[in-house]
Protein backbone atom coordinates (compact mmCIF):
# COMPACT_ATOMS: atom_id res chain seq x y z
CA PHE A 1 25.55 -8.08 -0.64
CA LEU A 2 24.39 -4.56 -0.08
CA LEU A 3 21.22 -2.78 0.83
CA GLN A 4 19.93 0.72 0.34
CA MET A 5 17.60 2.81 2.47
CA ALA A 6 15.26 5.02 0.44
CA ILE A 7 12.59 7.06 2.17
CA SER A 8 10.69 10.32 1.72
CA ASN A 9 11.04 13.18 4.16
CA ILE A 10 8.22 13.02 6.69
CA ARG A 11 6.66 15.71 8.84
CA TYR A 12 4.24 14.62 11.55
CA GLY A 13 1.87 16.43 13.87
CA GLU A 14 -1.69 17.64 14.39
CA GLY A 15 -2.37 20.54 12.07
CA VAL A 16 0.90 20.39 10.04
CA THR A 17 -1.17 20.58 6.84
CA LYS A 18 -1.32 24.34 7.25
CA GLU A 19 2.40 24.49 6.39
CA ILE A 20 1.96 23.12 2.87
CA GLY A 21 1.57 26.58 1.32
CA MET A 22 4.92 27.59 2.85
CA ASP A 23 6.54 24.41 1.56
CA LEU A 24 5.38 25.17 -1.98
CA GLN A 25 6.57 28.75 -1.65
CA ASN A 26 9.97 27.50 -0.49
CA LEU A 27 10.10 25.21 -3.54
CA GLY A 28 9.41 28.24 -5.74
CA ALA A 29 6.29 26.53 -7.14
CA ARG A 30 4.37 28.67 -9.66
CA ARG A 31 1.84 26.15 -10.99
CA VAL A 32 0.72 23.44 -8.61
CA CYS A 33 -1.38 20.36 -9.40
CA LEU A 34 -3.62 19.33 -6.48
CA MET A 35 -4.95 15.77 -6.82
CA THR A 36 -7.72 14.21 -4.76
CA ASP A 37 -10.94 12.21 -5.25
CA LYS A 38 -14.56 13.38 -5.54
CA ASN A 39 -15.49 12.31 -2.03
CA LEU A 40 -12.49 13.88 -0.29
CA SER A 41 -12.79 17.14 -2.20
CA GLN A 42 -15.79 17.90 0.08
CA LEU A 43 -14.03 16.92 3.34
CA PRO A 44 -11.85 18.72 5.93
CA PRO A 45 -8.41 17.42 4.75
CA VAL A 46 -8.79 19.03 1.30
CA LYS A 47 -10.23 22.19 2.85
CA ALA A 48 -7.15 22.44 5.12
CA VAL A 49 -4.86 22.20 2.08
CA LEU A 50 -6.90 24.74 0.07
CA ASP A 51 -6.83 27.19 3.01
CA SER A 52 -3.05 26.94 3.20
CA LEU A 53 -2.60 27.39 -0.56
CA ALA A 54 -4.88 30.47 -0.52
CA LYS A 55 -3.11 31.97 2.49
CA HIS A 56 0.27 31.75 0.77
CA GLY A 57 -1.00 32.83 -2.65
CA ILE A 58 -0.15 29.54 -4.39
CA ASN A 59 -1.49 29.23 -7.93
CA PHE A 60 -2.98 25.75 -8.41
CA GLN A 61 -5.36 23.60 -10.44
CA MET A 62 -7.38 20.86 -8.80
CA TYR A 63 -7.92 17.40 -10.28
CA ASN A 64 -10.55 15.59 -8.19
CA ASN A 65 -11.33 12.76 -10.57
CA VAL A 66 -9.02 10.13 -9.04
CA ARG A 67 -10.64 6.70 -8.98
CA VAL A 68 -10.60 4.75 -5.72
CA GLU A 69 -8.64 1.61 -6.69
CA PRO A 70 -7.28 3.23 -9.90
CA THR A 71 -7.17 1.62 -13.35
CA ASP A 72 -4.83 2.14 -16.29
CA GLN A 73 -7.60 4.32 -17.80
CA SER A 74 -7.96 6.50 -14.68
CA PHE A 75 -4.15 6.87 -14.51
CA LEU A 76 -4.10 7.97 -18.17
CA GLU A 77 -6.78 10.63 -17.55
CA ALA A 78 -4.77 12.07 -14.66
CA ILE A 79 -1.58 11.93 -16.75
CA GLU A 80 -3.35 13.87 -19.54
CA PHE A 81 -4.36 16.56 -17.02
CA ALA A 82 -0.77 16.76 -15.73
CA LYS A 83 0.73 17.04 -19.21
CA LYS A 84 -1.64 19.86 -20.20
CA GLY A 85 -1.06 21.79 -16.98
CA GLU A 86 2.75 21.98 -17.23
CA PHE A 87 2.97 21.96 -13.44
CA ASP A 88 6.12 22.54 -11.44
CA ALA A 89 4.91 20.79 -8.26
CA TYR A 90 2.27 18.26 -7.20
CA VAL A 91 0.19 17.80 -4.06
CA ALA A 92 -1.72 14.54 -3.42
CA VAL A 93 -4.42 14.60 -0.72
CA GLY A 94 -6.00 11.22 -0.09
CA GLY A 95 -5.37 7.53 0.41
CA GLY A 96 -3.10 5.27 -1.60
CA SER A 97 -5.24 5.63 -4.73
CA VAL A 98 -4.71 9.40 -4.86
CA MET A 99 -1.01 9.29 -3.97
CA ASP A 100 -0.31 6.55 -6.52
CA THR A 101 -2.23 8.35 -9.27
CA CYS A 102 -0.30 11.54 -8.56
CA LYS A 103 3.06 9.70 -8.70
CA ALA A 104 2.14 8.30 -12.12
CA ALA A 105 0.96 11.72 -13.38
CA ASN A 106 4.23 13.31 -12.26
CA LEU A 107 6.29 10.57 -13.93
CA TYR A 108 4.62 10.59 -17.36
CA ALA A 109 4.30 14.39 -17.49
CA ALA A 110 8.08 14.49 -16.92
CA SER A 111 8.62 11.90 -19.66
CA PRO A 112 6.00 12.86 -22.27
CA ALA A 113 7.50 10.79 -25.09
CA SER A 114 7.27 7.54 -23.07
CA ASP A 115 4.66 4.92 -23.80
CA PHE A 116 2.50 4.04 -20.77
CA LEU A 117 3.86 0.47 -20.59
CA ASP A 118 7.50 1.64 -20.60
CA TYR A 119 7.61 2.09 -16.81
CA VAL A 120 5.01 -0.53 -15.81
CA ASN A 121 6.48 -3.53 -13.96
CA ALA A 122 7.62 -6.49 -16.05
CA PRO A 123 6.34 -8.94 -17.23
CA ILE A 124 3.22 -6.84 -17.96
CA GLY A 125 5.15 -3.72 -18.94
CA LYS A 126 8.77 -3.07 -19.85
CA GLY A 127 9.89 -2.05 -16.35
CA GLN A 128 12.36 0.54 -17.68
CA PRO A 129 14.41 2.48 -15.12
CA VAL A 130 13.38 6.10 -14.64
CA THR A 131 16.13 8.48 -15.78
CA VAL A 132 14.14 11.74 -16.19
CA PRO A 133 13.98 14.32 -13.36
CA LEU A 134 10.53 14.55 -11.73
CA LYS A 135 8.85 17.55 -10.10
CA PRO A 136 8.50 17.77 -6.31
CA LEU A 137 5.47 15.90 -4.93
CA ILE A 138 4.02 16.50 -1.48
CA ALA A 139 1.78 13.69 -0.23
CA VAL A 140 -0.89 14.27 2.42
CA PRO A 141 -2.27 10.85 3.44
CA THR A 142 -5.85 10.79 4.74
CA THR A 143 -5.99 7.06 5.53
CA ALA A 144 -3.78 5.10 7.90
CA GLY A 145 -2.88 2.33 5.54
CA THR A 146 -0.84 2.35 2.40
CA GLY A 147 2.27 4.17 3.56
CA SER A 148 2.36 5.44 -0.04
CA GLU A 149 3.72 8.78 1.18
CA THR A 150 7.09 7.09 1.78
CA THR A 151 7.36 4.67 -1.15
CA GLY A 152 8.25 4.65 -4.83
CA VAL A 153 5.37 2.38 -5.82
CA ALA A 154 2.13 3.19 -7.71
CA ILE A 155 -0.45 0.41 -8.10
CA PHE A 156 -3.36 0.20 -10.57
CA ASP A 157 -5.81 -2.26 -12.15
CA PHE A 158 -4.81 -3.20 -15.68
CA LYS A 159 -8.34 -3.63 -17.00
CA GLU A 160 -7.63 -5.61 -20.14
CA LEU A 161 -5.87 -8.38 -18.18
CA LYS A 162 -8.09 -7.99 -15.10
CA VAL A 163 -4.99 -7.83 -12.95
CA LYS A 164 -3.38 -5.29 -10.69
CA THR A 165 0.16 -4.23 -11.43
CA GLY A 166 2.12 -1.05 -10.93
CA ILE A 167 5.17 1.10 -11.35
CA ALA A 168 8.05 0.72 -8.91
CA SER A 169 10.95 3.14 -8.85
CA ARG A 170 12.66 5.14 -6.14
CA ALA A 171 12.41 8.12 -8.53
CA ILE A 172 8.65 8.45 -8.01
CA LYS A 173 8.57 8.54 -4.23
CA PRO A 174 7.18 11.77 -2.77
CA THR A 175 9.55 14.57 -1.79
CA LEU A 176 7.67 15.08 1.48
CA GLY A 177 4.92 13.22 3.33
CA ILE A 178 2.79 15.42 5.57
CA ILE A 179 1.31 13.15 8.21
CA ASP A 180 -1.44 15.09 9.96
CA PRO A 181 -3.42 12.79 12.28
CA LEU A 182 -6.38 15.19 12.19
CA HIS A 183 -7.11 13.81 8.72
CA THR A 184 -7.75 10.31 10.06
CA LEU A 185 -10.77 11.60 11.98
CA SER A 186 -12.78 11.71 8.75
CA MET A 187 -12.19 8.00 8.06
CA PRO A 188 -15.32 5.82 8.36
CA GLU A 189 -15.07 2.66 10.47
CA ARG A 190 -14.52 0.13 7.65
CA VAL A 191 -12.05 2.39 5.86
CA MET A 192 -10.07 2.56 9.10
CA ALA A 193 -10.24 -1.24 9.44
CA ASN A 194 -9.21 -2.09 5.87
CA SER A 195 -6.45 0.53 5.87
CA GLY A 196 -5.17 -0.92 9.14
CA PHE A 197 -5.10 -4.42 7.66
CA ASP A 198 -2.82 -3.11 4.93
CA VAL A 199 -0.42 -1.82 7.62
CA LEU A 200 -0.60 -5.20 9.37
CA CYS A 201 0.29 -7.11 6.19
CA HIS A 202 2.99 -4.63 5.14
CA ALA A 203 4.69 -5.25 8.48
CA LEU A 204 4.22 -9.04 8.53
CA GLU A 205 5.23 -9.58 4.91
CA SER A 206 8.31 -7.37 4.97
CA TYR A 207 9.49 -8.97 8.24
CA THR A 208 9.07 -12.50 6.87
CA ALA A 209 10.27 -11.81 3.30
CA LEU A 210 13.21 -13.64 1.77
CA PRO A 211 16.37 -12.15 3.36
CA TYR A 212 18.15 -9.61 1.15
CA ASN A 213 21.39 -11.63 1.17
CA GLN A 214 19.61 -14.65 -0.32
CA ARG A 215 18.43 -12.74 -3.38
CA SER A 216 19.93 -13.31 -6.83
CA PRO A 217 23.14 -11.42 -7.61
CA CYS A 218 22.84 -7.67 -7.17
CA PRO A 219 22.62 -5.75 -10.50
CA ALA A 220 25.84 -3.85 -11.15
CA SER A 221 24.15 -0.50 -11.78
CA PRO A 222 22.41 1.12 -8.78
CA LEU A 223 19.72 2.31 -11.20
CA ALA A 224 18.77 -1.25 -12.10
CA ARG A 225 18.39 -2.46 -8.49
CA PRO A 226 14.85 -3.08 -7.27
CA ALA A 227 13.38 -0.97 -4.46
CA TYR A 228 12.17 -4.26 -2.94
CA GLN A 229 15.35 -5.88 -1.63
CA GLY A 230 14.08 -8.58 0.72
CA SER A 231 13.97 -8.42 4.51
CA ASN A 232 16.97 -6.59 5.90
CA PRO A 233 18.19 -5.17 9.21
CA ILE A 234 16.86 -1.65 8.51
CA SER A 235 13.38 -2.68 7.35
CA ASP A 236 13.06 -5.16 10.23
CA VAL A 237 13.20 -2.34 12.78
CA TRP A 238 10.37 -0.43 11.08
CA ALA A 239 8.22 -3.51 10.42
CA LEU A 240 8.36 -4.74 14.01
CA HIS A 241 7.67 -1.30 15.41
CA ALA A 242 4.66 -0.90 13.11
CA LEU A 243 3.38 -4.35 14.12
CA ARG A 244 3.53 -3.41 17.82
CA ILE A 245 1.53 -0.24 17.17
CA VAL A 246 -1.08 -2.21 15.17
CA ALA A 247 -1.40 -4.71 18.01
CA LYS A 248 -1.91 -1.95 20.55
CA TYR A 249 -4.07 0.55 18.67
CA LEU A 250 -5.86 -0.85 15.60
CA LYS A 251 -8.90 -2.25 17.43
CA ARG A 252 -9.27 0.97 19.41
CA ALA A 253 -8.98 3.13 16.28
CA ILE A 254 -11.71 1.12 14.53
CA ARG A 255 -14.11 0.92 17.47
CA ASN A 256 -13.93 4.55 18.46
CA PRO A 257 -13.40 7.12 15.69
CA GLU A 258 -12.95 9.81 18.37
CA ASP A 259 -9.96 7.98 19.91
CA ARG A 260 -7.38 10.48 18.72
CA GLU A 261 -4.43 8.70 20.32
CA ALA A 262 -5.26 5.43 18.54
CA ARG A 263 -5.93 7.06 15.16
CA ALA A 264 -2.78 9.22 15.36
CA SER A 265 -0.72 6.15 16.29
CA MET A 266 -2.08 4.18 13.33
CA HIS A 267 -1.30 7.11 11.01
CA LEU A 268 2.32 6.92 12.10
CA ALA A 269 2.36 3.09 11.96
CA SER A 270 1.24 3.32 8.34
CA ALA A 271 4.31 5.43 7.48
CA PHE A 272 6.62 3.18 9.56
CA ALA A 273 5.38 0.05 7.78
CA GLY A 274 5.75 1.96 4.49
CA ILE A 275 9.42 2.58 5.27
CA GLY A 276 9.79 -1.12 6.09
CA PHE A 277 8.10 -2.62 3.03
CA GLY A 278 9.23 0.20 0.72
CA ASN A 279 12.75 -1.16 1.13
CA ALA A 280 12.15 -4.86 1.90
CA GLY A 281 9.06 -5.54 -0.20
CA VAL A 282 5.93 -7.57 0.43
CA HIS A 283 5.20 -11.11 -0.77
CA LEU A 284 2.28 -13.52 -1.11
CA CYS A 285 -0.60 -11.70 0.64
CA HIS A 286 -0.01 -8.77 -1.69
CA GLY A 287 0.73 -10.85 -4.79
CA MET A 288 -2.52 -12.80 -4.31
CA SER A 289 -4.52 -9.68 -3.39
CA TYR A 290 -4.16 -8.12 -6.83
CA PRO A 291 -6.38 -10.63 -8.66
CA ILE A 292 -8.80 -10.67 -5.69
CA SER A 293 -9.32 -6.93 -6.27
CA GLY A 294 -9.05 -7.10 -10.05
CA LEU A 295 -11.56 -9.91 -10.65
CA VAL A 296 -14.27 -8.53 -8.34
CA LYS A 297 -17.77 -9.07 -9.75
CA THR A 298 -20.46 -7.38 -7.65
CA TYR A 299 -19.02 -6.99 -4.15
CA LYS A 300 -19.28 -3.46 -2.77
CA ALA A 301 -17.51 -2.63 0.44
CA LYS A 302 -19.38 -0.93 3.26
CA ASP A 303 -18.41 2.71 4.05
CA TYR A 304 -16.82 3.33 0.63
CA ASN A 305 -18.54 6.09 -1.31
CA VAL A 306 -17.92 4.79 -4.85
CA ASP A 307 -20.09 3.88 -7.83
CA HIS A 308 -18.31 0.66 -8.83
CA SER A 309 -17.72 -2.84 -7.39
CA LEU A 310 -14.76 -2.69 -5.07
CA VAL A 311 -12.71 -4.92 -2.80
CA PRO A 312 -10.69 -2.45 -0.72
CA HIS A 313 -6.97 -3.17 -0.99
CA GLY A 314 -6.42 -3.90 2.72
CA LEU A 315 -9.29 -6.40 2.78
CA SER A 316 -8.05 -8.21 -0.34
CA VAL A 317 -4.63 -8.52 1.30
CA VAL A 318 -5.61 -9.67 4.78
CA LEU A 319 -8.10 -12.41 3.80
CA THR A 320 -5.29 -14.69 2.61
CA SER A 321 -2.97 -13.91 5.54
CA PRO A 322 -3.84 -16.93 7.75
CA ALA A 323 -3.24 -19.35 4.85
CA VAL A 324 -0.12 -17.53 3.62
CA PHE A 325 1.71 -17.42 6.95
CA ALA A 326 0.82 -21.03 7.70
CA PHE A 327 2.52 -21.81 4.37
CA THR A 328 5.64 -19.62 4.71
CA ALA A 329 6.42 -20.33 8.37
CA GLN A 330 8.59 -23.38 7.77
CA MET A 331 11.27 -21.11 6.30
CA ARG A 332 11.49 -18.57 9.13
CA PRO A 333 9.50 -20.05 12.00
CA GLU A 334 11.06 -17.92 14.74
CA ARG A 335 9.94 -14.72 12.98
CA HIS A 336 6.41 -16.05 12.54
CA LEU A 337 6.23 -16.93 16.25
CA GLU A 338 7.58 -13.52 17.23
CA ALA A 339 4.89 -11.85 15.11
CA ALA A 340 2.17 -14.02 16.70
CA GLU A 341 3.41 -13.04 20.16
CA ILE A 342 3.33 -9.33 19.32
CA LEU A 343 -0.27 -9.79 18.11
CA GLY A 344 -1.22 -11.31 21.47
CA ALA A 345 -0.56 -15.06 21.21
CA ASP A 346 0.81 -16.95 24.21
CA ILE A 347 3.79 -18.74 22.67
CA ARG A 348 5.35 -20.14 25.85
CA THR A 349 4.33 -23.69 25.04
CA ALA A 350 4.38 -23.35 21.24
CA ARG A 351 6.75 -25.62 19.34
CA ILE A 352 8.82 -24.13 16.56
CA LYS A 353 7.21 -26.35 13.92
CA GLU A 354 3.78 -24.99 14.90
CA ALA A 355 4.78 -21.39 14.21
CA GLY A 356 2.64 -21.05 11.09
CA LEU A 357 -0.50 -22.44 12.71
CA VAL A 358 -0.04 -20.24 15.77
CA LEU A 359 0.27 -17.10 13.65
CA ALA A 360 -2.63 -18.17 11.39
CA ASP A 361 -4.90 -18.74 14.42
CA THR A 362 -3.86 -15.41 15.94
CA LEU A 363 -4.72 -13.61 12.69
CA ARG A 364 -8.06 -15.42 12.38
CA LYS A 365 -9.03 -14.39 15.91
CA PHE A 366 -7.93 -10.82 15.24
CA LEU A 367 -10.09 -10.64 12.08
CA PHE A 368 -13.07 -12.35 13.71
CA ASP A 369 -13.00 -9.82 16.59
CA LEU A 370 -13.17 -7.03 14.01
CA ASP A 371 -16.18 -8.44 12.06
CA VAL A 372 -14.18 -9.14 8.92
CA GLU A 373 -15.96 -11.01 6.11
CA ASP A 374 -15.64 -14.79 6.30
CA GLY A 375 -13.09 -15.32 3.56
CA LEU A 376 -13.14 -14.96 -0.21
CA ALA A 377 -16.52 -16.71 -0.44
CA ALA A 378 -18.07 -13.69 1.30
CA LEU A 379 -16.77 -11.51 -1.56
CA GLY A 380 -18.53 -13.69 -4.14
CA TYR A 381 -15.67 -16.05 -5.05
CA SER A 382 -15.94 -19.82 -5.29
CA THR A 383 -13.67 -22.76 -6.09
CA ALA A 384 -14.51 -22.25 -9.78
CA ASP A 385 -12.66 -18.90 -9.67
CA ILE A 386 -9.39 -20.35 -8.36
CA PRO A 387 -7.73 -20.94 -11.77
CA ALA A 388 -8.36 -17.30 -12.71
CA LEU A 389 -7.09 -16.09 -9.32
CA VAL A 390 -3.91 -18.14 -9.76
CA ARG A 391 -3.44 -16.80 -13.30
CA GLY A 392 -3.74 -13.27 -11.94
CA THR A 393 -1.08 -13.96 -9.30
CA LEU A 394 1.56 -15.37 -11.67
CA PRO A 395 2.56 -12.01 -13.24
CA GLN A 396 3.18 -10.53 -9.75
CA GLU A 397 6.77 -11.77 -9.76
CA ARG A 398 8.06 -8.53 -8.32
CA VAL A 399 6.48 -9.55 -5.00
CA THR A 400 5.85 -13.31 -5.16
CA LYS A 401 9.56 -14.03 -5.58
CA LEU A 402 10.14 -12.33 -2.21
CA SER A 403 8.21 -15.08 -0.45
CA PRO A 404 10.61 -16.97 1.85
CA ARG A 405 9.16 -20.20 0.48
CA PRO A 406 8.93 -20.70 -3.30
CA GLN A 407 5.45 -21.64 -4.54
CA THR A 408 4.04 -23.63 -7.45
CA GLU A 409 0.72 -22.98 -9.17
CA GLU A 410 -0.70 -25.86 -7.11
CA ASP A 411 0.49 -24.17 -3.90
CA LEU A 412 -1.22 -20.93 -4.92
CA ALA A 413 -4.45 -22.79 -5.73
CA ALA A 414 -4.36 -24.45 -2.30
CA LEU A 415 -3.81 -21.06 -0.60
CA PHE A 416 -6.81 -19.54 -2.40
CA GLU A 417 -8.88 -22.63 -1.49
CA ALA A 418 -7.86 -22.31 2.17
CA SER A 419 -8.86 -18.63 2.11
CA MET A 420 -12.43 -19.20 0.86
CA ARG A 421 -13.63 -19.50 4.48
CA LEU A 422 -11.73 -18.23 7.53
CA TYR A 423 -13.78 -19.12 10.58
């Protein structure tokens, strides 16, 4: 049994964005691709990057057409832009959607002969290992959620199948993540909340994932080994630390956008949880979240400036968390109890076999306190949608097989049913 630690370089501090021009100069970059979305292109984080590029005379082209919750089509448009531009470095300024789109653009521009499905995760794509050298990518996260600045994962909606999937390879992780907490000050309340729920689930899922030494035999070639290895002693440290920060600061960061200490702490927690799950992986909350996002009909999230129906990723992940951890706890009850205690539960009288219920109740209370929608029903889903939701979860083997407890289709249906209403 072996494990590997893969992580991007990270630079943290208020105002560090102004150094990005120097970084690109030091990389010898001549043609830079700057990716962001329409909304952010008008906001202070992008202005800070543009100022730094101008100050250091960096030649760049901006692509601001990234879709929030990207699709295969929106990835392909960004890839086309990247191929035409013949760039020698990339900068992504935004949330997970922007960073993931930029990773994909960098990959396919570096491998122009590849078919789009070549690198997409199996069983939807071919899941081929990446053997081409990529250009440097600097990620500037503006949300405190995905941790995408540290991971080799890029997620998108595959429209034809109405299911989310992605590309997972250590080769696509950013060269440098610039974590500037000033950028979190432009996050609206619900964006802060939903991003924070993603951090919460990254930490909980990677800490409770199937242990790395219980996985199937390790592939002989390092290139063929998955980034998601199962819970392991290195990821555990990062996941627990992120969970403690979430417990202490998430409510404060949501309730008071001016609380710089809370928002800066959550920005760092997002990267910490990214380091944890980027090496351990996530499991059922994420596996089930992809069809919840992909099959959305008319739901539009508050505080998101987009022109399409949208279930924000963090919301789609957290709504199943009470049901999921009640289900998985029998395999690693002590870890579930420990997580509940960090999130504020009094576990002194709790029995080990109640671990799942204790954690589920703690999560429900946490979500209720933060005005989170009352389950999947509040997003427009009903029992009639469960077969489609289960079908959309089945291809997510890359994550579902990391659940500490194996699940049947009936189990998944019961988990969706239990998540229709939370309170």
